[in-house]
Protein backbone atom coordinates (compact mmCIF):
# COMPACT_ATOMS: atom_id res chain seq x y z
CA MET A 1 109.00 136.06 127.20
CA GLN A 2 109.54 138.45 124.29
CA PHE A 3 112.48 140.07 126.05
CA LEU A 4 113.94 136.63 126.80
CA LYS A 5 113.75 135.65 123.15
CA MET A 6 115.70 138.72 122.13
CA LYS A 7 118.33 138.00 124.77
CA GLU A 8 118.76 134.44 123.47
CA SER A 9 119.13 135.54 119.86
CA VAL A 10 122.43 135.64 117.98
CA ASP A 11 123.82 139.15 117.75
CA PHE A 12 124.30 139.22 113.98
CA MET A 13 124.20 143.00 113.76
CA SER A 14 127.22 143.38 116.04
CA MET A 15 129.27 142.32 113.00
CA ARG A 16 127.60 144.78 110.64
CA VAL A 17 130.62 147.10 110.35
CA PRO A 18 133.12 144.31 109.45
CA ALA A 19 130.50 142.90 107.06
CA MET A 20 130.13 146.29 105.36
CA ILE A 21 133.89 146.58 104.99
CA LEU A 22 134.20 143.04 103.62
CA SER A 23 131.38 143.54 101.12
CA GLY A 24 132.81 146.89 100.05
CA ILE A 25 136.26 145.42 99.42
CA LEU A 26 134.82 142.47 97.46
CA ILE A 27 132.59 144.70 95.34
CA VAL A 28 135.39 147.15 94.53
CA GLY A 29 137.71 144.24 93.68
CA SER A 30 135.05 142.65 91.46
CA LEU A 31 134.31 145.89 89.61
CA PHE A 32 138.03 146.54 89.13
CA SER A 33 138.53 143.06 87.68
CA LEU A 34 135.48 143.43 85.43
CA ALA A 35 136.85 146.77 84.16
CA THR A 36 140.39 145.48 83.53
CA ASN A 37 140.21 141.72 82.91
CA GLN A 38 136.57 141.74 81.80
CA LEU A 39 134.80 138.40 81.39
CA ASN A 40 136.10 135.40 79.50
CA TRP A 41 133.11 135.31 77.16
CA GLY A 42 132.18 131.91 75.83
CA LEU A 43 131.40 131.06 72.25
CA ASP A 44 127.70 131.75 72.88
CA PHE A 45 128.49 135.46 73.20
CA THR A 46 131.58 136.05 71.07
CA GLY A 47 130.65 133.91 68.09
CA GLY A 48 133.11 131.66 66.26
CA THR A 49 133.87 127.96 66.02
CA LEU A 50 134.20 125.51 68.90
CA ILE A 51 135.98 122.23 68.25
CA GLU A 52 136.43 119.38 70.72
CA VAL A 53 139.03 116.74 69.88
CA GLY A 54 140.22 113.66 71.74
CA TYR A 55 143.71 112.16 71.99
CA ASP A 56 144.69 108.62 72.97
CA LYS A 57 147.32 110.05 75.36
CA PRO A 58 147.71 113.25 77.42
CA ALA A 59 147.69 116.17 74.99
CA GLN A 60 150.56 118.69 74.88
CA LEU A 61 148.79 122.04 74.69
CA ASP A 62 151.89 124.03 73.71
CA GLU A 63 152.58 121.70 70.82
CA ILE A 64 148.93 121.92 69.69
CA ARG A 65 149.14 125.72 69.70
CA LYS A 66 152.27 125.61 67.52
CA GLN A 67 150.60 123.24 65.05
CA LEU A 68 147.54 125.47 64.78
CA ASP A 69 149.69 128.58 64.39
CA THR A 70 151.54 126.94 61.52
CA ALA A 71 148.19 126.06 59.90
CA GLY A 72 147.03 129.69 60.07
CA PHE A 73 145.02 129.51 63.28
CA GLY A 74 147.23 131.71 65.46
CA ASP A 75 144.20 133.14 67.30
CA ALA A 76 143.07 129.71 68.55
CA VAL A 77 142.34 129.31 72.26
CA VAL A 78 143.41 125.82 73.36
CA GLN A 79 142.56 124.25 76.72
CA ASN A 80 141.88 120.89 78.31
CA PHE A 81 138.24 119.90 78.59
CA GLY A 82 137.45 117.54 81.44
CA SER A 83 140.60 115.40 81.12
CA SER A 84 144.16 115.66 79.83
CA GLU A 85 143.19 113.68 76.70
CA ASP A 86 140.30 115.96 75.72
CA VAL A 87 141.07 119.35 74.16
CA LEU A 88 138.78 122.28 73.43
CA ILE A 89 139.73 124.68 70.62
CA ARG A 90 137.99 128.02 70.13
CA LEU A 91 138.43 130.04 66.96
CA ALA A 92 137.29 133.56 66.13
CA PRO A 93 134.62 134.01 63.41
CA ARG A 94 135.86 133.67 59.83
CA GLU A 95 133.76 135.14 57.06
CA GLY A 96 132.99 132.99 54.06
CA VAL A 97 134.31 129.77 55.61
CA LYS A 98 132.04 126.97 56.77
CA ALA A 99 132.48 125.50 60.24
CA VAL A 100 132.85 122.00 58.75
CA ASP A 101 135.73 123.15 56.54
CA ILE A 102 137.45 124.80 59.52
CA GLY A 103 137.05 121.61 61.52
CA ASP A 104 138.61 119.54 58.73
CA GLN A 105 141.57 121.92 58.47
CA VAL A 106 142.16 121.89 62.22
CA LEU A 107 141.92 118.11 62.41
CA LYS A 108 144.29 117.72 59.47
CA SER A 109 146.89 120.01 61.02
CA LEU A 110 146.73 118.16 64.35
CA ARG A 111 147.12 114.75 62.71
CA GLU A 112 150.18 115.91 60.77
CA GLY A 113 152.09 115.75 64.05
CA GLY A 114 151.64 111.97 64.08
CA ASP A 115 149.09 111.86 66.89
CA ASN A 116 145.86 109.87 66.81
CA VAL A 117 143.20 112.60 67.05
CA ASP A 118 139.42 112.11 66.94
CA MET A 119 136.81 114.79 66.31
CA ARG A 120 134.29 114.82 69.17
CA ARG A 121 132.07 117.77 68.23
CA ILE A 122 132.08 121.05 66.36
CA GLU A 123 129.82 124.07 66.94
CA PHE A 124 129.48 127.40 65.19
CA VAL A 125 127.86 130.60 66.44
CA GLY A 126 127.63 133.71 64.28
CA PRO A 127 128.92 137.03 65.68
CA ASN A 128 125.51 138.68 65.32
CA VAL A 129 123.90 135.98 67.45
CA GLY A 130 126.61 136.35 70.09
CA GLU A 131 126.13 140.13 70.28
CA GLU A 132 122.35 139.70 70.60
CA LEU A 133 122.75 137.16 73.40
CA THR A 134 125.05 139.54 75.31
CA GLU A 135 122.52 142.35 75.07
CA GLN A 136 119.52 140.18 75.92
CA GLY A 137 121.31 138.51 78.84
CA GLY A 138 122.17 141.83 80.47
CA LEU A 139 118.66 143.10 79.86
CA ALA A 140 117.20 139.98 81.50
CA MET A 141 119.15 140.61 84.72
CA LEU A 142 118.17 144.30 84.75
CA VAL A 143 114.46 143.53 84.26
CA ALA A 144 114.62 140.88 86.98
CA LEU A 145 116.05 143.38 89.48
CA LEU A 146 113.46 146.05 88.62
CA CYS A 147 110.56 143.60 88.94
CA ILE A 148 111.88 142.43 92.29
CA LEU A 149 112.18 146.03 93.48
CA MET A 150 108.53 146.72 92.65
CA TYR A 151 107.27 143.44 94.12
CA VAL A 152 109.05 143.78 97.46
CA ALA A 153 108.07 147.46 97.74
CA MET A 154 104.40 146.52 97.36
CA ARG A 155 104.63 143.33 99.44
CA PHE A 156 106.58 144.76 102.38
CA GLU A 157 108.02 148.28 102.52
CA TRP A 158 110.30 150.40 100.35
CA ARG A 159 113.22 150.03 102.78
CA PHE A 160 113.03 146.25 102.44
CA ALA A 161 112.78 146.65 98.67
CA LEU A 162 115.99 148.66 98.49
CA GLY A 163 117.67 146.17 100.83
CA SER A 164 116.59 143.22 98.67
CA VAL A 165 117.74 144.79 95.41
CA THR A 166 121.03 145.86 97.00
CA ALA A 167 121.60 142.28 98.17
CA LEU A 168 120.80 140.89 94.71
CA ALA A 169 123.10 143.39 92.98
CA HIS A 170 125.77 142.49 95.55
CA ASP A 171 125.42 138.77 94.70
CA VAL A 172 125.49 139.32 90.93
CA ILE A 173 128.54 141.61 91.03
CA LEU A 174 130.52 139.21 93.23
CA THR A 175 129.60 136.20 91.08
CA LEU A 176 130.66 138.02 87.91
CA GLY A 177 133.79 139.18 89.71
CA LEU A 178 134.69 135.58 90.56
CA PHE A 179 134.48 134.59 86.88
CA SER A 180 136.48 137.66 85.89
CA VAL A 181 139.27 137.10 88.44
CA LEU A 182 139.61 133.38 87.67
CA GLN A 183 138.95 133.93 83.95
CA LEU A 184 136.41 131.12 83.88
CA GLU A 185 134.42 130.84 80.68
CA PHE A 186 131.14 132.75 80.83
CA ASP A 187 128.53 131.15 78.58
CA LEU A 188 124.75 130.77 78.52
CA THR A 189 124.74 128.11 81.23
CA VAL A 190 126.59 130.49 83.58
CA LEU A 191 124.12 133.27 82.74
CA ALA A 192 121.30 130.89 83.66
CA ALA A 193 123.11 130.16 86.93
CA VAL A 194 123.39 133.89 87.71
CA LEU A 195 119.64 134.31 87.18
CA ALA A 196 119.06 131.27 89.42
CA VAL A 197 121.25 132.90 92.08
CA ILE A 198 118.99 135.96 91.94
CA GLY A 199 115.95 133.77 92.56
CA TYR A 200 117.62 131.82 95.38
CA SER A 201 118.87 134.93 97.15
CA LEU A 202 115.50 136.64 96.78
CA ASN A 203 113.70 133.65 98.30
CA ASP A 204 115.97 133.76 101.36
CA THR A 205 115.60 137.54 101.65
CA ILE A 206 111.79 137.37 101.46
CA VAL A 207 111.66 134.80 104.29
CA VAL A 208 113.88 136.98 106.50
CA SER A 209 111.95 140.17 105.65
CA ASP A 210 108.63 138.52 106.43
CA ARG A 211 109.87 137.38 109.83
CA ILE A 212 111.26 140.84 110.61
CA ARG A 213 107.92 142.45 109.75
CA GLU A 214 106.07 139.90 111.87
CA ASN A 215 108.31 140.47 114.90
CA PHE A 216 108.10 144.24 114.60
CA ARG A 217 104.34 143.86 115.00
CA LYS A 218 104.46 141.23 117.77
CA ILE A 219 107.27 142.49 119.99
CA ARG A 220 106.11 145.67 121.66
CA LYS A 221 109.37 146.65 123.32
CA GLY A 222 112.73 146.34 121.68
CA GLU A 223 115.17 148.25 119.52
CA PRO A 224 115.15 147.59 115.76
CA VAL A 225 118.60 145.97 116.05
CA ASP A 226 117.32 143.50 118.66
CA ILE A 227 114.23 142.65 116.65
CA ILE A 228 116.27 142.06 113.50
CA ASN A 229 118.68 139.81 115.43
CA THR A 230 115.73 137.85 116.81
CA SER A 231 114.24 137.45 113.33
CA LEU A 232 117.53 136.29 111.81
CA THR A 233 118.00 133.78 114.63
CA GLN A 234 114.50 132.37 114.16
CA THR A 235 115.12 131.78 110.44
CA LEU A 236 118.68 130.51 110.94
CA ASN A 237 117.77 126.79 111.06
CA ARG A 238 115.72 127.07 107.91
CA THR A 239 118.51 128.99 106.14
CA ILE A 240 121.21 126.48 107.11
CA ILE A 241 119.17 123.43 106.11
CA THR A 242 118.15 124.94 102.76
CA SER A 243 121.68 126.07 101.94
CA LEU A 244 123.33 122.78 102.92
CA THR A 245 120.93 120.60 100.93
CA THR A 246 121.37 122.86 97.89
CA ILE A 247 125.15 122.84 98.25
CA LEU A 248 125.23 119.03 98.45
CA VAL A 249 123.44 118.75 95.11
CA LEU A 250 125.69 121.39 93.54
CA LEU A 251 128.82 119.63 94.79
CA ALA A 252 127.67 116.49 93.02
CA LEU A 253 127.19 118.50 89.81
CA PHE A 254 130.54 120.24 90.26
CA PHE A 255 132.58 117.05 90.65
CA LYS A 256 130.53 114.54 88.63
CA GLY A 257 128.50 116.63 86.21
CA GLY A 258 131.20 116.94 83.56
CA ALA A 259 132.88 119.92 81.96
CA LEU A 260 129.77 121.13 80.13
CA ILE A 261 128.03 122.24 83.34
CA HIS A 262 131.15 122.96 85.40
CA GLY A 263 130.68 126.72 85.04
CA PHE A 264 126.99 126.42 85.90
CA ALA A 265 127.77 124.50 89.11
CA THR A 266 130.59 126.90 90.04
CA ALA A 267 128.37 129.97 89.70
CA LEU A 268 125.56 128.39 91.72
CA LEU A 269 127.88 127.12 94.46
CA PHE A 270 129.39 130.55 94.97
CA GLY A 271 126.01 132.24 94.56
CA VAL A 272 124.30 130.12 97.21
CA VAL A 273 127.02 130.90 99.76
CA ILE A 274 127.15 134.61 99.00
CA GLY A 275 123.34 134.78 98.74
CA THR A 276 122.95 133.37 102.25
CA TYR A 277 125.45 135.91 103.53
CA SER A 278 123.76 138.84 101.77
CA SER A 279 120.32 137.94 103.15
CA ILE A 280 121.73 138.45 106.64
CA TYR A 281 124.30 141.18 106.28
CA VAL A 282 123.18 143.16 103.24
CA ALA A 283 119.38 143.17 102.90
CA SER A 284 118.67 143.44 106.64
CA LEU A 285 121.50 145.89 107.21
CA VAL A 286 120.33 148.25 104.45
CA ALA A 287 116.80 148.28 105.91
CA LEU A 288 118.26 149.01 109.36
CA MET A 289 120.45 151.83 108.05
CA LEU A 290 117.45 153.38 106.28
CA GLY A 291 115.72 153.64 109.66
CA ILE A 292 113.14 150.86 109.56
CA SER A 293 110.85 151.08 112.59
CA LYS A 294 107.72 149.57 114.11
CA GLU A 295 105.54 152.38 112.76
CA ASP A 296 106.62 151.66 109.17
CA LEU A 297 105.40 148.07 109.34
CA MET A 298 102.16 148.41 111.23
CA PRO A 299 99.05 147.71 109.11
CA THR A 300 97.04 150.75 108.13
CA GLU A 301 93.88 151.08 110.18
CA VAL A 302 90.75 151.52 108.10
CA GLU A 303 88.26 153.86 109.70
CA LYS A 304 84.79 152.39 109.76
CA GLU A 305 81.89 154.40 108.45
CA GLY A 306 80.06 156.19 111.26
CA ALA A 307 82.80 155.55 113.83
CA ASP A 308 83.16 159.29 114.44
CA LEU A 309 79.50 159.79 115.27
CA ASP A 310 78.46 160.23 118.91
CA PRO A 311 76.56 157.27 120.33
CA LEU A 312 72.90 157.83 121.07
């Protein structure tokens, strides 16, 4: 029966070489983009003034940029926000000038063009706060990875721990690479999404690792590749159902949640897909390449006191 189960399992590991090549290409591409394009840091990290204005007709972004340049705001970043009538303007920090005064100047310059412009909101973040958030956000991800490494090493085995952390680092790098390549705004909501991706991917990896350990102990005969394939097949239904239900909710947020959480939904959507992939082809593959075997996962036998004495 055990042999039959392994025969009926999906041969995931037969695709391990193409998966390694694909992951390697994506990671190198992400790191290259992060080194050259970097991230499009949001106001939460860079500091400055954020102004949202509304027009009664589709806004002409090029014309708005010219108006702001004439008014002395040549460094303004202008983009649509949710619709063609809503415009988001980001300005670099200006010392000694209040955010309210900047907002009034921007609104005045836009209205001089004869358009009907309404102020929707204005936010200000100091540069010191932005720098602190950048440092603390990176530190949060690093601490999360280290804690996960220690937990999985104690809960399972060090090979699974390295596989889990490799998979999590893989997911984080690719998610950051996506935002770097597309130049999507990276703010605190996206950082929260990246941390949520770490938790989601870890949950999936723990389920797979637990099933692999269980099958190594139950199946007496079988190569590690066959046992891992069997374990992945047994958890496949659970993985698909969990991923699909999560993706359905995230799709609703992505299309109907509004521009404020668009980046959050984008990061989670991509992270769920890539996290499911990494649980199969990164975490398990790393443990296999490190030589995981039945002996590594067998429980340690505790010798009972007096067991070595000759019976009377």
